[in-house]
N, C-alpha and C. Protein backbone atom coordinates (compact mmCIF):
# COMPACT_ATOMS: atom_id res chain seq x y z
N TYR A 1 -4.24 191.78 39.30
CA TYR A 1 -5.45 191.83 40.10
C TYR A 1 -6.52 192.57 39.33
N ASN A 2 -7.75 192.36 39.74
CA ASN A 2 -8.88 193.01 39.09
C ASN A 2 -8.97 194.43 39.66
N ASN A 3 -8.57 195.40 38.89
CA ASN A 3 -8.49 196.78 39.36
C ASN A 3 -9.89 197.36 39.53
N ASN A 4 -10.32 197.48 40.77
CA ASN A 4 -11.65 198.01 41.07
C ASN A 4 -11.68 199.53 41.18
N LEU A 5 -10.53 200.15 41.14
CA LEU A 5 -10.50 201.60 41.25
C LEU A 5 -11.19 202.22 40.04
N TYR A 6 -11.83 203.30 40.25
CA TYR A 6 -12.55 204.06 39.23
C TYR A 6 -13.86 203.40 38.79
N LYS A 7 -14.21 202.26 39.36
CA LYS A 7 -15.42 201.56 38.95
C LYS A 7 -16.59 201.97 39.82
N ASN A 8 -17.76 201.84 39.26
CA ASN A 8 -19.00 202.04 40.00
C ASN A 8 -19.57 200.67 40.27
N TRP A 9 -19.63 200.28 41.54
CA TRP A 9 -20.13 198.97 41.93
C TRP A 9 -21.35 199.15 42.80
N ARG A 10 -22.51 198.79 42.29
CA ARG A 10 -23.76 198.89 43.02
C ARG A 10 -23.98 200.28 43.61
N GLY A 11 -23.62 201.29 42.85
CA GLY A 11 -23.83 202.66 43.29
C GLY A 11 -22.68 203.24 44.10
N PHE A 12 -21.68 202.43 44.40
CA PHE A 12 -20.52 202.91 45.14
C PHE A 12 -19.39 203.17 44.16
N VAL A 13 -18.94 204.41 44.10
CA VAL A 13 -17.84 204.76 43.21
C VAL A 13 -16.55 204.70 44.02
N PHE A 14 -15.67 203.81 43.61
CA PHE A 14 -14.38 203.73 44.30
C PHE A 14 -13.61 205.02 44.07
N ASP A 15 -12.66 205.27 44.96
CA ASP A 15 -11.90 206.52 44.95
C ASP A 15 -11.54 206.93 43.52
N SER A 16 -11.91 208.14 43.17
CA SER A 16 -11.68 208.60 41.80
C SER A 16 -10.20 208.81 41.50
N ASN A 17 -9.40 209.09 42.50
CA ASN A 17 -7.97 209.24 42.29
C ASN A 17 -7.24 208.69 43.51
N PRO A 18 -6.89 207.42 43.48
CA PRO A 18 -6.24 206.81 44.64
C PRO A 18 -4.87 207.40 44.94
N TYR A 19 -4.29 208.12 43.99
CA TYR A 19 -2.97 208.70 44.18
C TYR A 19 -3.03 210.18 44.55
N TYR A 20 -4.20 210.65 44.94
CA TYR A 20 -4.42 212.08 45.24
C TYR A 20 -3.37 212.61 46.21
N TRP A 21 -3.18 211.93 47.34
CA TRP A 21 -2.24 212.43 48.35
C TRP A 21 -0.80 212.23 47.93
N ILE A 22 -0.52 211.19 47.16
CA ILE A 22 0.83 211.02 46.63
C ILE A 22 1.14 212.16 45.69
N ASP A 23 0.18 212.48 44.80
CA ASP A 23 0.37 213.58 43.85
C ASP A 23 0.57 214.91 44.57
N LYS A 24 -0.01 215.05 45.76
CA LYS A 24 0.14 216.28 46.54
C LYS A 24 1.41 216.26 47.39
N GLY A 25 2.19 215.17 47.28
CA GLY A 25 3.45 215.09 48.02
C GLY A 25 3.28 214.72 49.48
N ASN A 26 2.19 214.03 49.83
CA ASN A 26 1.94 213.68 51.22
C ASN A 26 1.72 212.17 51.36
N PRO A 27 2.81 211.38 51.32
CA PRO A 27 2.66 209.93 51.38
C PRO A 27 2.14 209.43 52.73
N MET A 28 2.37 210.17 53.82
CA MET A 28 1.85 209.73 55.11
C MET A 28 0.32 209.72 55.08
N THR A 29 -0.30 210.77 54.58
CA THR A 29 -1.76 210.80 54.48
C THR A 29 -2.26 209.71 53.54
N ALA A 30 -1.54 209.47 52.46
CA ALA A 30 -1.92 208.41 51.53
C ALA A 30 -1.96 207.06 52.25
N ASN A 31 -0.98 206.80 53.09
CA ASN A 31 -0.94 205.54 53.82
C ASN A 31 -2.02 205.48 54.90
N ILE A 32 -2.32 206.59 55.53
CA ILE A 32 -3.41 206.62 56.51
C ILE A 32 -4.73 206.32 55.81
N ARG A 33 -4.92 206.86 54.62
CA ARG A 33 -6.14 206.57 53.86
C ARG A 33 -6.24 205.09 53.54
N LEU A 34 -5.10 204.43 53.27
CA LEU A 34 -5.12 202.98 53.04
C LEU A 34 -5.60 202.25 54.30
N ASN A 35 -5.24 202.74 55.48
CA ASN A 35 -5.75 202.14 56.72
C ASN A 35 -7.26 202.26 56.77
N ASP A 36 -7.81 203.40 56.34
CA ASP A 36 -9.26 203.57 56.29
C ASP A 36 -9.89 202.54 55.36
N VAL A 37 -9.28 202.34 54.20
CA VAL A 37 -9.78 201.36 53.24
C VAL A 37 -9.74 199.97 53.87
N ASN A 38 -8.67 199.67 54.59
CA ASN A 38 -8.56 198.36 55.22
C ASN A 38 -9.71 198.13 56.19
N GLU A 39 -10.08 199.14 56.98
CA GLU A 39 -11.20 198.99 57.92
C GLU A 39 -12.51 198.72 57.18
N LYS A 40 -12.70 199.36 56.05
CA LYS A 40 -13.91 199.13 55.25
C LYS A 40 -13.93 197.71 54.68
N ILE A 41 -12.78 197.24 54.25
CA ILE A 41 -12.69 195.87 53.74
C ILE A 41 -12.99 194.87 54.85
N ILE A 42 -12.49 195.13 56.04
CA ILE A 42 -12.75 194.24 57.18
C ILE A 42 -14.25 194.21 57.48
N ASN A 43 -14.90 195.38 57.46
CA ASN A 43 -16.36 195.41 57.66
C ASN A 43 -17.06 194.58 56.59
N LEU A 44 -16.59 194.67 55.36
CA LEU A 44 -17.18 193.91 54.27
C LEU A 44 -17.00 192.41 54.48
N ILE A 45 -15.84 191.99 54.95
CA ILE A 45 -15.60 190.57 55.20
C ILE A 45 -16.54 190.04 56.28
N TYR A 46 -16.73 190.83 57.35
CA TYR A 46 -17.68 190.40 58.38
C TYR A 46 -19.09 190.29 57.79
N ALA A 47 -19.47 191.25 56.95
CA ALA A 47 -20.80 191.21 56.34
C ALA A 47 -20.95 189.99 55.44
N ILE A 48 -19.93 189.69 54.65
CA ILE A 48 -19.97 188.52 53.77
C ILE A 48 -20.19 187.25 54.59
N ASN A 49 -19.61 187.21 55.78
CA ASN A 49 -19.75 186.05 56.66
C ASN A 49 -20.99 186.11 57.53
N GLY A 50 -21.84 187.13 57.32
CA GLY A 50 -23.09 187.25 58.06
C GLY A 50 -22.88 187.63 59.51
N GLU A 51 -21.82 188.34 59.80
CA GLU A 51 -21.49 188.72 61.17
C GLU A 51 -21.47 190.25 61.31
N PHE A 52 -21.78 190.72 62.50
CA PHE A 52 -21.57 192.12 62.80
C PHE A 52 -20.08 192.32 63.09
N THR A 53 -19.57 193.48 62.77
CA THR A 53 -18.17 193.77 63.07
C THR A 53 -18.02 194.01 64.57
N PRO A 54 -17.14 193.26 65.22
CA PRO A 54 -16.93 193.46 66.65
C PRO A 54 -16.24 194.81 66.93
N SER A 55 -16.21 195.17 68.20
CA SER A 55 -15.49 196.38 68.59
C SER A 55 -14.02 196.22 68.22
N SER A 56 -13.31 197.32 68.21
CA SER A 56 -11.91 197.29 67.79
C SER A 56 -11.06 196.36 68.64
N LYS A 57 -11.46 196.14 69.89
CA LYS A 57 -10.70 195.24 70.78
C LYS A 57 -10.63 193.83 70.21
N TYR A 58 -11.69 193.37 69.57
CA TYR A 58 -11.76 192.00 69.08
C TYR A 58 -11.77 191.89 67.55
N ARG A 59 -11.78 193.00 66.86
CA ARG A 59 -11.97 193.00 65.40
C ARG A 59 -11.00 192.07 64.68
N TYR A 60 -9.71 192.19 64.95
CA TYR A 60 -8.73 191.36 64.25
C TYR A 60 -8.67 189.95 64.81
N PHE A 61 -8.87 189.82 66.11
CA PHE A 61 -8.85 188.50 66.73
C PHE A 61 -9.87 187.57 66.07
N TYR A 62 -11.10 188.06 65.90
CA TYR A 62 -12.16 187.24 65.29
C TYR A 62 -12.11 187.24 63.76
N LEU A 63 -11.48 188.24 63.18
CA LEU A 63 -11.41 188.33 61.72
C LEU A 63 -10.80 187.07 61.13
N PHE A 64 -9.69 186.63 61.69
CA PHE A 64 -8.98 185.49 61.12
C PHE A 64 -9.68 184.16 61.40
N LYS A 65 -10.77 184.20 62.16
CA LYS A 65 -11.55 182.99 62.45
C LYS A 65 -12.81 182.90 61.60
N GLN A 66 -13.00 183.82 60.67
CA GLN A 66 -14.19 183.81 59.83
C GLN A 66 -14.17 182.61 58.89
N ASP A 67 -15.36 182.12 58.53
CA ASP A 67 -15.47 180.97 57.64
C ASP A 67 -14.89 181.27 56.26
N TRP A 68 -15.15 182.46 55.75
CA TRP A 68 -14.63 182.83 54.44
C TRP A 68 -13.68 184.01 54.58
N LEU A 69 -12.53 183.89 53.98
CA LEU A 69 -11.56 184.98 53.88
C LEU A 69 -11.01 185.00 52.47
N PRO A 70 -10.61 186.15 51.96
CA PRO A 70 -9.97 186.18 50.65
C PRO A 70 -8.73 185.27 50.64
N GLU A 71 -8.39 184.80 49.47
CA GLU A 71 -7.25 183.91 49.32
C GLU A 71 -5.98 184.54 49.89
N ASP A 72 -5.23 183.77 50.65
CA ASP A 72 -3.94 184.19 51.21
C ASP A 72 -4.08 185.48 52.04
N PHE A 73 -5.21 185.58 52.74
CA PHE A 73 -5.56 186.82 53.45
C PHE A 73 -4.56 187.20 54.54
N VAL A 74 -4.12 186.24 55.32
CA VAL A 74 -3.22 186.55 56.44
C VAL A 74 -1.93 187.18 55.93
N SER A 75 -1.34 186.61 54.90
CA SER A 75 -0.08 187.18 54.39
C SER A 75 -0.32 188.54 53.74
N LYS A 76 -1.50 188.74 53.16
CA LYS A 76 -1.80 190.05 52.58
C LYS A 76 -1.95 191.11 53.66
N ILE A 77 -2.60 190.75 54.78
CA ILE A 77 -2.73 191.69 55.89
C ILE A 77 -1.34 192.00 56.47
N GLU A 78 -0.51 190.98 56.58
CA GLU A 78 0.85 191.20 57.08
C GLU A 78 1.60 192.18 56.18
N LYS A 79 1.38 192.07 54.89
CA LYS A 79 2.05 192.98 53.95
C LYS A 79 1.49 194.39 54.09
N ILE A 80 0.17 194.51 54.23
CA ILE A 80 -0.46 195.82 54.37
C ILE A 80 0.08 196.54 55.59
N TYR A 81 0.21 195.81 56.70
CA TYR A 81 0.66 196.44 57.94
C TYR A 81 2.15 196.31 58.17
N CYS A 82 2.89 195.81 57.19
CA CYS A 82 4.35 195.71 57.27
C CYS A 82 4.79 194.92 58.49
N PHE A 83 4.14 193.79 58.74
CA PHE A 83 4.48 192.97 59.90
C PHE A 83 5.77 192.17 59.68
N ASP A 84 6.30 192.18 58.47
CA ASP A 84 7.48 191.36 58.21
C ASP A 84 8.66 191.78 59.08
N ASN A 85 8.71 193.03 59.52
CA ASN A 85 9.82 193.47 60.36
C ASN A 85 9.32 193.94 61.72
N PHE A 86 8.19 193.43 62.16
CA PHE A 86 7.60 193.85 63.43
C PHE A 86 8.18 193.01 64.55
N SER A 87 8.54 193.66 65.65
CA SER A 87 9.13 192.97 66.78
C SER A 87 8.53 193.52 68.07
N GLU A 88 8.84 192.84 69.17
CA GLU A 88 8.38 193.33 70.47
C GLU A 88 8.99 194.70 70.76
N GLU A 89 10.23 194.89 70.39
CA GLU A 89 10.89 196.18 70.58
C GLU A 89 10.17 197.28 69.81
N LYS A 90 9.80 196.98 68.56
CA LYS A 90 9.09 197.95 67.73
C LYS A 90 7.71 198.25 68.33
N PHE A 91 7.05 197.23 68.89
CA PHE A 91 5.77 197.44 69.55
C PHE A 91 5.93 198.44 70.69
N HIS A 92 6.92 198.22 71.54
CA HIS A 92 7.13 199.11 72.68
C HIS A 92 7.43 200.54 72.22
N GLU A 93 8.20 200.66 71.15
CA GLU A 93 8.51 201.98 70.60
C GLU A 93 7.23 202.68 70.12
N ARG A 94 6.42 201.96 69.33
CA ARG A 94 5.17 202.53 68.83
C ARG A 94 4.22 202.86 69.97
N PHE A 95 4.12 201.95 70.95
CA PHE A 95 3.23 202.16 72.09
C PHE A 95 3.63 203.40 72.86
N GLY A 96 4.92 203.61 73.02
CA GLY A 96 5.42 204.81 73.70
C GLY A 96 5.02 206.09 72.97
N VAL A 97 5.10 206.05 71.66
CA VAL A 97 4.71 207.23 70.86
C VAL A 97 3.22 207.48 71.01
N TYR A 98 2.40 206.43 70.95
CA TYR A 98 0.96 206.59 71.15
C TYR A 98 0.68 207.21 72.52
N ASN A 99 1.40 206.75 73.55
CA ASN A 99 1.19 207.30 74.89
C ASN A 99 1.56 208.77 74.97
N GLN A 100 2.63 209.17 74.30
CA GLN A 100 3.01 210.58 74.28
C GLN A 100 1.90 211.43 73.67
N ILE A 101 1.37 210.97 72.54
CA ILE A 101 0.30 211.70 71.86
C ILE A 101 -0.94 211.73 72.75
N LEU A 102 -1.31 210.60 73.32
CA LEU A 102 -2.49 210.53 74.18
C LEU A 102 -2.35 211.44 75.40
N ASP A 103 -1.16 211.46 76.01
CA ASP A 103 -0.94 212.34 77.16
C ASP A 103 -1.21 213.80 76.81
N GLU A 104 -0.70 214.23 75.66
CA GLU A 104 -0.93 215.62 75.23
C GLU A 104 -2.41 215.88 74.95
N CYS A 105 -3.08 214.90 74.34
CA CYS A 105 -4.52 215.06 74.05
C CYS A 105 -5.32 215.15 75.36
N ILE A 106 -4.98 214.31 76.33
CA ILE A 106 -5.67 214.34 77.62
C ILE A 106 -5.46 215.68 78.31
N GLU A 107 -4.23 216.17 78.31
CA GLU A 107 -3.94 217.47 78.91
C GLU A 107 -4.77 218.57 78.25
N ARG A 108 -4.85 218.53 76.95
CA ARG A 108 -5.60 219.57 76.23
C ARG A 108 -7.10 219.45 76.52
N CYS A 109 -7.63 218.25 76.56
CA CYS A 109 -9.04 218.05 76.91
C CYS A 109 -9.33 218.61 78.29
N ASP A 110 -8.42 218.37 79.24
CA ASP A 110 -8.60 218.90 80.59
C ASP A 110 -8.56 220.43 80.60
N GLU A 111 -7.64 221.00 79.83
CA GLU A 111 -7.55 222.46 79.74
C GLU A 111 -8.85 223.06 79.21
N LEU A 112 -9.45 222.40 78.26
CA LEU A 112 -10.67 222.89 77.62
C LEU A 112 -11.94 222.45 78.34
N ASN A 113 -11.77 221.62 79.37
CA ASN A 113 -12.92 221.04 80.08
C ASN A 113 -13.88 220.41 79.05
N LEU A 114 -13.29 219.65 78.16
CA LEU A 114 -14.00 219.14 76.99
C LEU A 114 -14.84 217.91 77.28
N LEU A 115 -14.44 217.10 78.26
CA LEU A 115 -15.09 215.82 78.48
C LEU A 115 -15.74 215.77 79.85
N PRO A 116 -16.74 214.89 80.01
CA PRO A 116 -17.38 214.74 81.32
C PRO A 116 -16.39 214.18 82.34
N GLU A 117 -16.69 214.34 83.62
CA GLU A 117 -15.81 213.87 84.69
C GLU A 117 -15.56 212.37 84.60
N ASN A 118 -16.61 211.59 84.35
CA ASN A 118 -16.46 210.15 84.26
C ASN A 118 -16.93 209.71 82.88
N ILE A 119 -15.99 209.53 81.99
CA ILE A 119 -16.30 209.21 80.59
C ILE A 119 -17.00 207.86 80.49
N GLU A 120 -16.55 206.88 81.27
CA GLU A 120 -17.16 205.55 81.19
C GLU A 120 -18.63 205.58 81.57
N ASP A 121 -18.96 206.27 82.66
CA ASP A 121 -20.37 206.39 83.06
C ASP A 121 -21.18 207.13 82.00
N TYR A 122 -20.62 208.22 81.48
CA TYR A 122 -21.31 209.01 80.46
C TYR A 122 -21.57 208.15 79.22
N TYR A 123 -20.55 207.41 78.79
CA TYR A 123 -20.70 206.56 77.61
C TYR A 123 -21.76 205.49 77.86
N SER A 124 -21.68 204.84 79.02
CA SER A 124 -22.64 203.78 79.33
C SER A 124 -24.07 204.29 79.34
N GLU A 125 -24.27 205.46 79.92
CA GLU A 125 -25.61 206.02 80.02
C GLU A 125 -26.15 206.51 78.68
N ASN A 126 -25.28 207.01 77.82
CA ASN A 126 -25.73 207.68 76.61
C ASN A 126 -25.53 206.91 75.32
N PHE A 127 -24.59 205.98 75.28
CA PHE A 127 -24.26 205.37 74.00
C PHE A 127 -24.23 203.85 74.01
N SER A 128 -23.81 203.25 75.09
CA SER A 128 -23.54 201.82 75.09
C SER A 128 -24.82 201.00 75.05
N ARG A 129 -24.96 200.19 74.03
CA ARG A 129 -26.08 199.28 73.91
C ARG A 129 -25.60 197.84 73.76
N PHE A 130 -24.33 197.70 73.40
CA PHE A 130 -23.77 196.38 73.17
C PHE A 130 -22.35 196.36 73.71
N ASN A 131 -22.00 195.31 74.42
CA ASN A 131 -20.67 195.18 74.97
C ASN A 131 -20.17 193.79 74.65
N ASP A 132 -19.04 193.69 73.94
CA ASP A 132 -18.53 192.38 73.57
C ASP A 132 -17.35 191.96 74.44
N ASN A 133 -17.16 192.60 75.59
CA ASN A 133 -16.05 192.23 76.47
C ASN A 133 -16.25 190.87 77.12
N ASN A 134 -17.44 190.33 77.07
CA ASN A 134 -17.68 189.03 77.70
C ASN A 134 -17.83 187.90 76.68
N LEU A 135 -17.28 188.08 75.49
CA LEU A 135 -17.42 187.07 74.44
C LEU A 135 -16.48 185.87 74.65
N GLU A 136 -15.39 186.07 75.36
CA GLU A 136 -14.43 184.98 75.54
C GLU A 136 -14.81 184.12 76.71
């Protein structure tokens, strides 16, 4: 492959040391950083196709429907996300873990009185300008 690491492309310098977290003995953080890179690549693909990136709810659904995608893109995404051994059972396991983490975060937010009483109303009034829930 054409190794773009360490290159300066139109003023953007790719990660100077892609193995930084591996070298520090933290492969989990290294893999999380790859997820960040994947999101940036997805934004780039939408831009190449002249589209705005949809909200996370629809991002992958519409991604695979773009007019232009890199060669063999679907199998590459499957490899990136390790879908080769993904099952409904694994989904439920992962979803349960996310719920455990979310429950603790919600409890802590409540303890700190960190969020407004009605987050949806607050978001709608202060941030929401575009809603893609009615695209289907």
